[in-house]
Amino acid sequence: MVSSRLVAAAALLAAGLVAGCPSIGTVRPPFMPLPEAFVDTLDMQPADLLAELQRRSIELGFAIAVSSELDRYFETRWFNMATGRSDDGDLNRPDRVILLRFWIDPLGPLGYQLTSEAVYRPVADPSLPDRAAELMVPPGHEGEQILVRILDGVKERLGG
């Protein structure tokens, strides 16, 4: 017969393995933000921040692809800046199609770190994994201006 201590130890080990595995039960992608992503420290509730990011993105025409208050993550669908809609984009002008991602991570008493990126795919290459084909939009790009407009609006509204 198996002892109750052995069963408890096995349950703790299993719980630890599940808790340490980010791909189980999470909508966050398995990759980290790009090194060029914008990083801000904000003193606001993550649920309010997430809701405001979504609201401002939707106001600009973005559709939501993935959002989770529990995971503190939000991602839009691809957005065609020429049409102002979330769609499959323009294969002749891939630099005009962007995607926004937002990660919200706790910083203890300092508040939360918001990491934001606006990415595009300079070429349509189906042989590459999606993330391998993505680049952060360059400085001055319209996608960067959109991202900054969203972030500034969030800070203005929530006082970050």
C-alpha atoms as a PDB file:
ATOM      1  CA  MET A   1       0.000   0.000   0.000  1.00  0.00           C
ATOM      2  CA  VAL A   2       1.245   3.479  -0.881  1.00  0.00           C
ATOM      3  CA  SER A   3       1.746   5.794   2.055  1.00  0.00           C
ATOM      4  CA  SER A   4      -0.135   9.070   2.241  1.00  0.00           C
ATOM      5  CA  ARG A   5       3.195  10.935   2.486  1.00  0.00           C
ATOM      6  CA  LEU A   6       4.344   9.442  -0.804  1.00  0.00           C
ATOM      7  CA  VAL A   7       1.066  10.419  -2.469  1.00  0.00           C
ATOM      8  CA  ALA A   8       1.334  13.953  -1.052  1.00  0.00           C
ATOM      9  CA  ALA A   9       4.937  14.256  -2.245  1.00  0.00           C
ATOM     10  CA  ALA A  10       3.984  13.076  -5.729  1.00  0.00           C
ATOM     11  CA  ALA A  11       1.104  15.580  -5.832  1.00  0.00           C
ATOM     12  CA  LEU A  12       3.420  18.423  -4.803  1.00  0.00           C
ATOM     13  CA  LEU A  13       5.959  17.409  -7.439  1.00  0.00           C
ATOM     14  CA  ALA A  14       3.280  17.284 -10.136  1.00  0.00           C
ATOM     15  CA  ALA A  15       1.912  20.687  -9.080  1.00  0.00           C
ATOM     16  CA  GLY A  16       5.410  22.153  -9.171  1.00  0.00           C
ATOM     17  CA  LEU A  17       6.039  20.791 -12.646  1.00  0.00           C
ATOM     18  CA  VAL A  18       2.759  22.198 -13.943  1.00  0.00           C
ATOM     19  CA  ALA A  19       3.363  25.589 -12.295  1.00  0.00           C
ATOM     20  CA  GLY A  20       6.838  25.791 -13.767  1.00  0.00           C
ATOM     21  CA  CYS A  21       5.709  24.998 -17.300  1.00  0.00           C
ATOM     22  CA  PRO A  22       4.544  28.182 -19.053  1.00  0.00           C
ATOM     23  CA  SER A  23       2.969  26.400 -22.017  1.00  0.00           C
ATOM     24  CA  ILE A  24       0.297  24.561 -20.017  1.00  0.00           C
ATOM     25  CA  GLY A  25      -2.898  26.543 -19.559  1.00  0.00           C
ATOM     26  CA  THR A  26      -1.500  29.894 -20.671  1.00  0.00           C
ATOM     27  CA  VAL A  27      -2.158  32.088 -23.687  1.00  0.00           C
ATOM     28  CA  ARG A  28       1.224  33.779 -23.477  1.00  0.00           C
ATOM     29  CA  PRO A  29       3.404  32.837 -26.408  1.00  0.00           C
ATOM     30  CA  PRO A  30       6.396  30.563 -25.801  1.00  0.00           C
ATOM     31  CA  PHE A  31       8.788  33.359 -26.838  1.00  0.00           C
ATOM     32  CA  MET A  32       9.995  36.522 -25.137  1.00  0.00           C
ATOM     33  CA  PRO A  33       9.421  40.070 -26.420  1.00  0.00           C
ATOM     34  CA  LEU A  34      11.910  41.332 -28.984  1.00  0.00           C
ATOM     35  CA  PRO A  35      14.920  43.186 -27.526  1.00  0.00           C
ATOM     36  CA  GLU A  36      13.724  46.405 -29.199  1.00  0.00           C
ATOM     37  CA  ALA A  37      10.298  46.234 -27.511  1.00  0.00           C
ATOM     38  CA  PHE A  38       9.149  49.214 -25.454  1.00  0.00           C
ATOM     39  CA  VAL A  39       9.360  48.717 -21.677  1.00  0.00           C
ATOM     40  CA  ASP A  40       7.557  50.878 -19.095  1.00  0.00           C
ATOM     41  CA  THR A  41       7.128  50.594 -15.334  1.00  0.00           C
ATOM     42  CA  LEU A  42       3.561  51.440 -14.368  1.00  0.00           C
ATOM     43  CA  ASP A  43       1.780  51.735 -11.032  1.00  0.00           C
ATOM     44  CA  MET A  44      -1.698  50.593 -12.004  1.00  0.00           C
ATOM     45  CA  GLN A  45      -3.799  47.486 -11.709  1.00  0.00           C
ATOM     46  CA  PRO A  46      -3.072  44.965 -14.476  1.00  0.00           C
ATOM     47  CA  ALA A  47      -6.776  44.350 -15.144  1.00  0.00           C
ATOM     48  CA  ASP A  48      -7.337  48.085 -15.705  1.00  0.00           C
ATOM     49  CA  LEU A  49      -4.220  48.316 -17.855  1.00  0.00           C
ATOM     50  CA  LEU A  50      -5.246  45.335 -19.967  1.00  0.00           C
ATOM     51  CA  ALA A  51      -8.780  46.690 -20.448  1.00  0.00           C
ATOM     52  CA  GLU A  52      -7.476  50.116 -21.473  1.00  0.00           C
ATOM     53  CA  LEU A  53      -4.959  48.615 -23.922  1.00  0.00           C
ATOM     54  CA  GLN A  54      -7.775  46.618 -25.499  1.00  0.00           C
ATOM     55  CA  ARG A  55     -10.148  49.568 -25.634  1.00  0.00           C
ATOM     56  CA  ARG A  56      -7.612  51.835 -27.320  1.00  0.00           C
ATOM     57  CA  SER A  57      -6.536  49.138 -29.779  1.00  0.00           C
ATOM     58  CA  ILE A  58     -10.136  48.410 -30.775  1.00  0.00           C
ATOM     59  CA  GLU A  59     -10.821  52.151 -31.205  1.00  0.00           C
ATOM     60  CA  LEU A  60      -8.009  52.219 -33.786  1.00  0.00           C
ATOM     61  CA  GLY A  61      -9.485  49.282 -35.711  1.00  0.00           C
ATOM     62  CA  PHE A  62      -7.491  46.369 -34.312  1.00  0.00           C
ATOM     63  CA  ALA A  63      -9.240  43.075 -33.620  1.00  0.00           C
ATOM     64  CA  ILE A  64      -8.253  41.049 -30.567  1.00  0.00           C
ATOM     65  CA  ALA A  65      -6.506  37.743 -31.268  1.00  0.00           C
ATOM     66  CA  VAL A  66      -5.621  36.703 -27.704  1.00  0.00           C
ATOM     67  CA  SER A  67      -6.271  38.275 -24.333  1.00  0.00           C
ATOM     68  CA  SER A  68      -5.999  36.956 -20.799  1.00  0.00           C
ATOM     69  CA  GLU A  69      -6.306  38.848 -17.546  1.00  0.00           C
ATOM     70  CA  LEU A  70      -4.905  35.831 -15.708  1.00  0.00           C
ATOM     71  CA  ASP A  71      -1.809  35.670 -17.944  1.00  0.00           C
ATOM     72  CA  ARG A  72      -1.574  39.462 -18.203  1.00  0.00           C
ATOM     73  CA  TYR A  73      -1.114  39.213 -21.952  1.00  0.00           C
ATOM     74  CA  PHE A  74      -2.821  40.804 -24.952  1.00  0.00           C
ATOM     75  CA  GLU A  75      -2.230  40.384 -28.673  1.00  0.00           C
ATOM     76  CA  THR A  76      -4.043  41.875 -31.647  1.00  0.00           C
ATOM     77  CA  ARG A  77      -4.699  40.281 -35.000  1.00  0.00           C
ATOM     78  CA  TRP A  78      -2.626  41.468 -37.939  1.00  0.00           C
ATOM     79  CA  PHE A  79      -3.669  45.014 -38.857  1.00  0.00           C
ATOM     80  CA  ASN A  80      -3.449  46.516 -42.334  1.00  0.00           C
ATOM     81  CA  MET A  81      -2.532  50.186 -41.894  1.00  0.00           C
ATOM     82  CA  ALA A  82      -3.588  50.958 -45.497  1.00  0.00           C
ATOM     83  CA  THR A  83      -7.171  49.764 -44.924  1.00  0.00           C
ATOM     84  CA  GLY A  84      -7.374  50.498 -41.190  1.00  0.00           C
ATOM     85  CA  ARG A  85      -8.714  46.989 -40.530  1.00  0.00           C
ATOM     86  CA  SER A  86      -7.530  43.699 -39.163  1.00  0.00           C
ATOM     87  CA  ASP A  87      -7.208  41.469 -42.211  1.00  0.00           C
ATOM     88  CA  ASP A  88      -4.755  39.188 -43.952  1.00  0.00           C
ATOM     89  CA  GLY A  89      -2.809  42.164 -45.192  1.00  0.00           C
ATOM     90  CA  ASP A  90      -1.181  43.229 -48.396  1.00  0.00           C
ATOM     91  CA  LEU A  91       1.422  40.755 -49.619  1.00  0.00           C
ATOM     92  CA  ASN A  92       2.824  43.439 -51.917  1.00  0.00           C
ATOM     93  CA  ARG A  93       3.422  45.792 -48.965  1.00  0.00           C
ATOM     94  CA  PRO A  94       4.120  43.665 -45.877  1.00  0.00           C
ATOM     95  CA  ASP A  95       5.621  46.690 -44.115  1.00  0.00           C
ATOM     96  CA  ARG A  96       2.058  48.100 -43.901  1.00  0.00           C
ATOM     97  CA  VAL A  97       0.737  45.163 -41.837  1.00  0.00           C
ATOM     98  CA  ILE A  98       1.499  45.079 -38.103  1.00  0.00           C
ATOM     99  CA  LEU A  99       0.631  43.122 -34.981  1.00  0.00           C
ATOM    100  CA  LEU A 100       0.716  44.450 -31.404  1.00  0.00           C
ATOM    101  CA  ARG A 101       1.657  42.428 -28.317  1.00  0.00           C
ATOM    102  CA  PHE A 102       1.604  43.451 -24.654  1.00  0.00           C
ATOM    103  CA  TRP A 103       3.095  41.599 -21.664  1.00  0.00           C
ATOM    104  CA  ILE A 104       2.321  42.807 -18.116  1.00  0.00           C
ATOM    105  CA  ASP A 105       4.682  41.464 -15.446  1.00  0.00           C
ATOM    106  CA  PRO A 106       4.759  42.177 -11.687  1.00  0.00           C
ATOM    107  CA  LEU A 107       7.694  44.148 -10.254  1.00  0.00           C
ATOM    108  CA  GLY A 108       6.794  43.807  -6.577  1.00  0.00           C
ATOM    109  CA  PRO A 109       6.286  47.151  -4.816  1.00  0.00           C
ATOM    110  CA  LEU A 110       7.381  49.042  -7.950  1.00  0.00           C
ATOM    111  CA  GLY A 111       4.183  48.137  -9.803  1.00  0.00           C
ATOM    112  CA  TYR A 112       4.128  46.370 -13.141  1.00  0.00           C
ATOM    113  CA  GLN A 113       6.358  46.220 -16.171  1.00  0.00           C
ATOM    114  CA  LEU A 114       4.533  46.678 -19.466  1.00  0.00           C
ATOM    115  CA  THR A 115       6.439  45.373 -22.459  1.00  0.00           C
ATOM    116  CA  SER A 116       4.954  46.322 -25.825  1.00  0.00           C
ATOM    117  CA  GLU A 117       5.887  45.530 -29.372  1.00  0.00           C
ATOM    118  CA  ALA A 118       4.619  46.406 -32.827  1.00  0.00           C
ATOM    119  CA  VAL A 119       5.926  43.839 -35.297  1.00  0.00           C
ATOM    120  CA  TYR A 120       5.766  43.305 -39.026  1.00  0.00           C
ATOM    121  CA  ARG A 121       7.007  40.675 -41.433  1.00  0.00           C
ATOM    122  CA  PRO A 122       9.322  42.202 -44.043  1.00  0.00           C
ATOM    123  CA  VAL A 123       8.789  39.229 -46.350  1.00  0.00           C
ATOM    124  CA  ALA A 124       6.073  36.620 -46.658  1.00  0.00           C
ATOM    125  CA  ASP A 125       8.057  33.407 -46.227  1.00  0.00           C
ATOM    126  CA  PRO A 126       5.924  30.370 -45.349  1.00  0.00           C
ATOM    127  CA  SER A 127       9.071  28.303 -44.761  1.00  0.00           C
ATOM    128  CA  LEU A 128       9.895  30.337 -41.633  1.00  0.00           C
ATOM    129  CA  PRO A 129       8.162  29.909 -38.289  1.00  0.00           C
ATOM    130  CA  ASP A 130       5.911  32.924 -37.649  1.00  0.00           C
ATOM    131  CA  ARG A 131       8.095  34.513 -34.955  1.00  0.00           C
ATOM    132  CA  ALA A 132      11.295  34.035 -36.989  1.00  0.00           C
ATOM    133  CA  ALA A 133       9.827  36.217 -39.749  1.00  0.00           C
ATOM    134  CA  GLU A 134       8.840  39.074 -37.410  1.00  0.00           C
ATOM    135  CA  LEU A 135      10.772  42.270 -36.774  1.00  0.00           C
ATOM    136  CA  MET A 136      10.017  45.233 -34.569  1.00  0.00           C
ATOM    137  CA  VAL A 137       8.829  48.124 -36.711  1.00  0.00           C
ATOM    138  CA  PRO A 138      11.677  50.585 -37.255  1.00  0.00           C
ATOM    139  CA  PRO A 139      11.783  53.957 -35.459  1.00  0.00           C
ATOM    140  CA  GLY A 140       9.459  56.461 -37.108  1.00  0.00           C
ATOM    141  CA  HIS A 141       7.344  53.735 -38.733  1.00  0.00           C
ATOM    142  CA  GLU A 142       3.585  54.338 -38.672  1.00  0.00           C
ATOM    143  CA  GLY A 143       3.221  51.180 -36.566  1.00  0.00           C
ATOM    144  CA  GLU A 144       5.512  52.658 -33.920  1.00  0.00           C
ATOM    145  CA  GLN A 145       3.429  55.836 -33.918  1.00  0.00           C
ATOM    146  CA  ILE A 146       0.265  53.788 -33.387  1.00  0.00           C
ATOM    147  CA  LEU A 147       1.863  51.884 -30.497  1.00  0.00           C
ATOM    148  CA  VAL A 148       3.091  55.111 -28.877  1.00  0.00           C
ATOM    149  CA  ARG A 149      -0.378  56.674 -29.277  1.00  0.00           C
ATOM    150  CA  ILE A 150      -1.923  53.697 -27.464  1.00  0.00           C
ATOM    151  CA  LEU A 151       0.676  53.750 -24.679  1.00  0.00           C
ATOM    152  CA  ASP A 152       0.451  57.530 -24.182  1.00  0.00           C
ATOM    153  CA  GLY A 153      -3.334  57.325 -24.044  1.00  0.00           C
ATOM    154  CA  VAL A 154      -3.206  54.558 -21.444  1.00  0.00           C
ATOM    155  CA  LYS A 155      -0.811  56.571 -19.267  1.00  0.00           C
ATOM    156  CA  GLU A 156      -2.935  59.695 -19.627  1.00  0.00           C
ATOM    157  CA  ARG A 157      -6.141  57.892 -18.708  1.00  0.00           C
ATOM    158  CA  LEU A 158      -4.787  55.672 -15.912  1.00  0.00           C
ATOM    159  CA  GLY A 159      -2.028  57.960 -14.660  1.00  0.00           C
ATOM    160  CA  GLY A 160       0.971  55.736 -15.248  1.00  0.00           C
END
